[in-house]
C-alpha atoms as a PDB file:
ATOM      1  CA  MET A   1      12.655  53.078-103.088  1.00  0.00           C
ATOM      2  CA  GLU A   2       9.086  53.337-103.303  1.00  0.00           C
ATOM      3  CA  ARG A   3       7.077  51.571-100.467  1.00  0.00           C
ATOM      4  CA  LYS A   4       3.930  50.021-100.809  1.00  0.00           C
ATOM      5  CA  ILE A   5       1.382  51.419 -97.980  1.00  0.00           C
ATOM      6  CA  ASP A   6      -1.232  49.306 -96.668  1.00  0.00           C
ATOM      7  CA  ILE A   7      -3.385  51.401 -95.180  1.00  0.00           C
ATOM      8  CA  VAL A   8      -3.878  54.846 -94.810  1.00  0.00           C
ATOM      9  CA  PHE A   9      -4.454  56.889 -91.347  1.00  0.00           C
ATOM     10  CA  ASN A  10      -5.491  60.593 -91.223  1.00  0.00           C
ATOM     11  CA  SER A  11      -5.843  62.149 -87.899  1.00  0.00           C
ATOM     12  CA  GLU A  12      -7.709  64.918 -89.608  1.00  0.00           C
ATOM     13  CA  LYS A  13     -10.572  63.256 -89.925  1.00  0.00           C
ATOM     14  CA  ASP A  14     -10.011  59.607 -87.802  1.00  0.00           C
ATOM     15  CA  SER A  15     -10.933  60.666 -84.420  1.00  0.00           C
ATOM     16  CA  GLY A  16      -9.677  58.503 -81.626  1.00  0.00           C
ATOM     17  CA  GLU A  17      -8.500  55.372 -81.712  1.00  0.00           C
ATOM     18  CA  ASN A  18      -8.693  53.191 -85.144  1.00  0.00           C
ATOM     19  CA  ARG A  19      -8.052  49.072 -85.077  1.00  0.00           C
ATOM     20  CA  PHE A  20      -6.399  47.161 -88.204  1.00  0.00           C
ATOM     21  CA  GLN A  21      -5.841  44.091 -88.777  1.00  0.00           C
ATOM     22  CA  ILE A  22      -2.362  43.563 -89.533  1.00  0.00           C
ATOM     23  CA  ALA A  23      -0.501  40.783 -91.982  1.00  0.00           C
ATOM     24  CA  ASN A  24       0.505  38.276 -89.780  1.00  0.00           C
ATOM     25  CA  GLY A  25       0.862  34.666 -92.468  1.00  0.00           C
ATOM     26  CA  TYR A  26       3.420  34.820 -94.925  1.00  0.00           C
ATOM     27  CA  ILE A  27       3.265  38.451 -95.497  1.00  0.00           C
ATOM     28  CA  SER A  28       4.050  39.657 -92.122  1.00  0.00           C
ATOM     29  CA  GLU A  29       4.599  43.297 -92.723  1.00  0.00           C
ATOM     30  CA  THR A  30       1.579  46.200 -92.882  1.00  0.00           C
ATOM     31  CA  ALA A  31       2.746  49.866 -94.244  1.00  0.00           C
ATOM     32  CA  ILE A  32       0.496  52.479 -92.197  1.00  0.00           C
ATOM     33  CA  LEU A  33       1.025  56.034 -93.638  1.00  0.00           C
ATOM     34  CA  PHE A  34       0.269  58.432 -91.377  1.00  0.00           C
ATOM     35  CA  LYS A  35      -0.916  61.452 -93.893  1.00  0.00           C
ATOM     36  CA  LYS A  36      -0.929  64.337 -91.719  1.00  0.00           C
ATOM     37  CA  GLU A  37       2.423  63.536 -89.873  1.00  0.00           C
ATOM     38  CA  GLY A  38       4.159  62.537 -92.552  1.00  0.00           C
ATOM     39  CA  VAL A  39       5.626  59.214 -91.260  1.00  0.00           C
ATOM     40  CA  VAL A  40       5.467  56.069 -92.385  1.00  0.00           C
ATOM     41  CA  ALA A  41       4.990  52.789 -89.612  1.00  0.00           C
ATOM     42  CA  VAL A  42       6.090  49.702 -90.983  1.00  0.00           C
ATOM     43  CA  ILE A  43       4.842  46.916 -88.662  1.00  0.00           C
ATOM     44  CA  GLU A  44       5.510  43.450 -88.587  1.00  0.00           C
ATOM     45  CA  ALA A  45       3.032  41.268 -86.833  1.00  0.00           C
ATOM     46  CA  LYS A  46       6.317  39.540 -84.007  1.00  0.00           C
ATOM     47  CA  GLY A  47       5.836  42.807 -82.655  1.00  0.00           C
ATOM     48  CA  SER A  48       8.141  45.407 -83.792  1.00  0.00           C
ATOM     49  CA  VAL A  49       7.562  48.916 -85.587  1.00  0.00           C
ATOM     50  CA  ASP A  50       9.426  50.499 -87.637  1.00  0.00           C
ATOM     51  CA  LEU A  51       9.217  54.163 -88.189  1.00  0.00           C
ATOM     52  CA  TYR A  52      10.218  56.214 -91.468  1.00  0.00           C
ATOM     53  CA  ASN A  53       9.905  59.898 -92.560  1.00  0.00           C
ATOM     54  CA  MET A  54       8.597  60.663 -96.240  1.00  0.00           C
ATOM     55  CA  GLU A  55      12.351  60.333 -97.893  1.00  0.00           C
ATOM     56  CA  ASN A  56      12.307  56.607 -96.433  1.00  0.00           C
ATOM     57  CA  GLU A  57      14.690  57.325 -93.518  1.00  0.00           C
ATOM     58  CA  LEU A  58      14.471  55.545 -90.212  1.00  0.00           C
ATOM     59  CA  ILE A  59      13.408  58.047 -87.738  1.00  0.00           C
ATOM     60  CA  ALA A  60      12.536  55.516 -84.950  1.00  0.00           C
ATOM     61  CA  SER A  61      11.983  51.824 -83.839  1.00  0.00           C
ATOM     62  CA  GLY A  62      10.141  49.634 -81.000  1.00  0.00           C
ATOM     63  CA  LYS A  63       9.359  46.330 -80.264  1.00  0.00           C
ATOM     64  CA  VAL A  64       6.968  44.735 -77.709  1.00  0.00           C
ATOM     65  CA  PRO A  65       7.275  40.813 -76.124  1.00  0.00           C
ATOM     66  CA  ALA A  66       6.290  38.576 -78.614  1.00  0.00           C
ATOM     67  CA  GLU A  67       3.053  36.747 -78.262  1.00  0.00           C
ATOM     68  CA  GLU A  68       3.234  33.183 -76.922  1.00  0.00           C
ATOM     69  CA  ASP A  69      -0.231  32.000 -77.410  1.00  0.00           C
ATOM     70  CA  GLY A  70      -2.547  30.475 -80.995  1.00  0.00           C
ATOM     71  CA  LYS A  71      -0.080  31.790 -83.919  1.00  0.00           C
ATOM     72  CA  GLN A  72       2.379  33.386 -82.083  1.00  0.00           C
ATOM     73  CA  VAL A  73       1.944  36.798 -83.914  1.00  0.00           C
ATOM     74  CA  TYR A  74      -0.125  39.632 -83.664  1.00  0.00           C
ATOM     75  CA  GLN A  75      -3.072  39.839 -85.628  1.00  0.00           C
ATOM     76  CA  GLU A  76      -4.144  43.553 -84.742  1.00  0.00           C
ATOM     77  CA  VAL A  77      -3.421  46.787 -84.038  1.00  0.00           C
ATOM     78  CA  CYS A  78      -4.404  50.157 -82.964  1.00  0.00           C
ATOM     79  CA  CYS A  79      -3.618  53.966 -84.047  1.00  0.00           C
ATOM     80  CA  LYS A  80      -3.657  56.732 -82.283  1.00  0.00           C
ATOM     81  CA  VAL A  81      -2.572  60.336 -82.756  1.00  0.00           C
ATOM     82  CA  GLU A  82      -2.800  62.826 -79.698  1.00  0.00           C
ATOM     83  CA  GLY A  83      -1.454  65.929 -80.451  1.00  0.00           C
ATOM     84  CA  ASN A  84       2.615  64.898 -81.378  1.00  0.00           C
ATOM     85  CA  THR A  85       2.545  61.282 -80.275  1.00  0.00           C
ATOM     86  CA  ILE A  86       1.478  58.182 -82.444  1.00  0.00           C
ATOM     87  CA  THR A  87       0.664  55.330 -80.066  1.00  0.00           C
ATOM     88  CA  ILE A  88       0.744  51.807 -81.995  1.00  0.00           C
ATOM     89  CA  SER A  89      -0.845  49.423 -79.481  1.00  0.00           C
ATOM     90  CA  PHE A  90      -1.078  45.789 -80.494  1.00  0.00           C
ATOM     91  CA  ALA A  91      -4.073  44.045 -79.206  1.00  0.00           C
ATOM     92  CA  ILE A  92      -3.090  41.137 -76.538  1.00  0.00           C
ATOM     93  CA  VAL A  93      -5.735  37.897 -77.395  1.00  0.00           C
ATOM     94  CA  GLU A  94      -6.646  34.752 -75.196  1.00  0.00           C
ATOM     95  CA  TRP A  95      -7.279  32.023 -77.647  1.00  0.00           C
ATOM     96  CA  ILE A  96     -10.606  30.195 -76.910  1.00  0.00           C
ATOM     97  CA  ASP A  97     -11.028  26.376 -77.959  1.00  0.00           C
ATOM     98  CA  ASN A  98     -14.430  25.881 -78.568  1.00  0.00           C
ATOM     99  CA  TYR A  99     -14.165  22.152 -78.542  1.00  0.00           C
ATOM    100  CA  PRO A 100     -16.705  19.806 -78.361  1.00  0.00           C
ATOM    101  CA  ASN A 101     -19.070  22.817 -79.130  1.00  0.00           C
ATOM    102  CA  CYS A 102     -17.740  22.816 -82.811  1.00  0.00           C
ATOM    103  CA  ASP A 103     -18.879  22.335 -86.305  1.00  0.00           C
ATOM    104  CA  GLY A 104     -15.782  21.729 -86.961  1.00  0.00           C
ATOM    105  CA  GLU A 105     -11.906  23.516 -87.474  1.00  0.00           C
ATOM    106  CA  HIS A 106     -13.718  26.940 -89.058  1.00  0.00           C
ATOM    107  CA  ASP A 107     -15.380  27.603 -85.769  1.00  0.00           C
ATOM    108  CA  ARG A 108     -13.048  25.945 -83.106  1.00  0.00           C
ATOM    109  CA  TRP A 109     -11.264  28.411 -81.827  1.00  0.00           C
ATOM    110  CA  ASP A 110     -12.050  32.337 -81.194  1.00  0.00           C
ATOM    111  CA  THR A 111     -10.270  35.071 -79.449  1.00  0.00           C
ATOM    112  CA  ARG A 112     -10.934  37.614 -76.899  1.00  0.00           C
ATOM    113  CA  THR A 113      -8.799  40.785 -76.266  1.00  0.00           C
ATOM    114  CA  VAL A 114      -7.400  41.290 -73.276  1.00  0.00           C
ATOM    115  CA  GLY A 115      -4.934  43.893 -72.933  1.00  0.00           C
ATOM    116  CA  TYR A 116      -2.485  45.761 -75.307  1.00  0.00           C
ATOM    117  CA  HIS A 117       0.830  46.459 -75.400  1.00  0.00           C
ATOM    118  CA  ASP A 118       1.572  50.506 -76.178  1.00  0.00           C
ATOM    119  CA  LEU A 119       4.900  52.032 -78.373  1.00  0.00           C
ATOM    120  CA  MET A 120       4.891  55.974 -78.429  1.00  0.00           C
ATOM    121  CA  PHE A 121       6.591  57.719 -80.845  1.00  0.00           C
ATOM    122  CA  GLU A 122       7.312  61.759 -80.357  1.00  0.00           C
ATOM    123  CA  ILE A 123       7.193  62.970 -83.527  1.00  0.00           C
END
């Protein structure tokens, strides 16, 4: 089965930590190809990750606590590769209600990242 890749992460040239928006609506899965490592992370917005090799075999799974505020899903992850370890961090956000200092629903809510839930996978 051919998997649709949403994001390609190349740890040879993308040093450090990279942030990615993940699907969190009707479609709630995002597939990130870790090119050099030869694995695909399928991230579900409610906080789970399945890691597959290039033969589409499940090699690892992990889950973080569900987000409790706002949309009750995660909207962003940070990815990092150090040595043989892939770290996928789910951003924990605080929702800020701007009412009555807003012009309508489009600017009613803001978010602020207050921490991360980390999943680490050794390859």
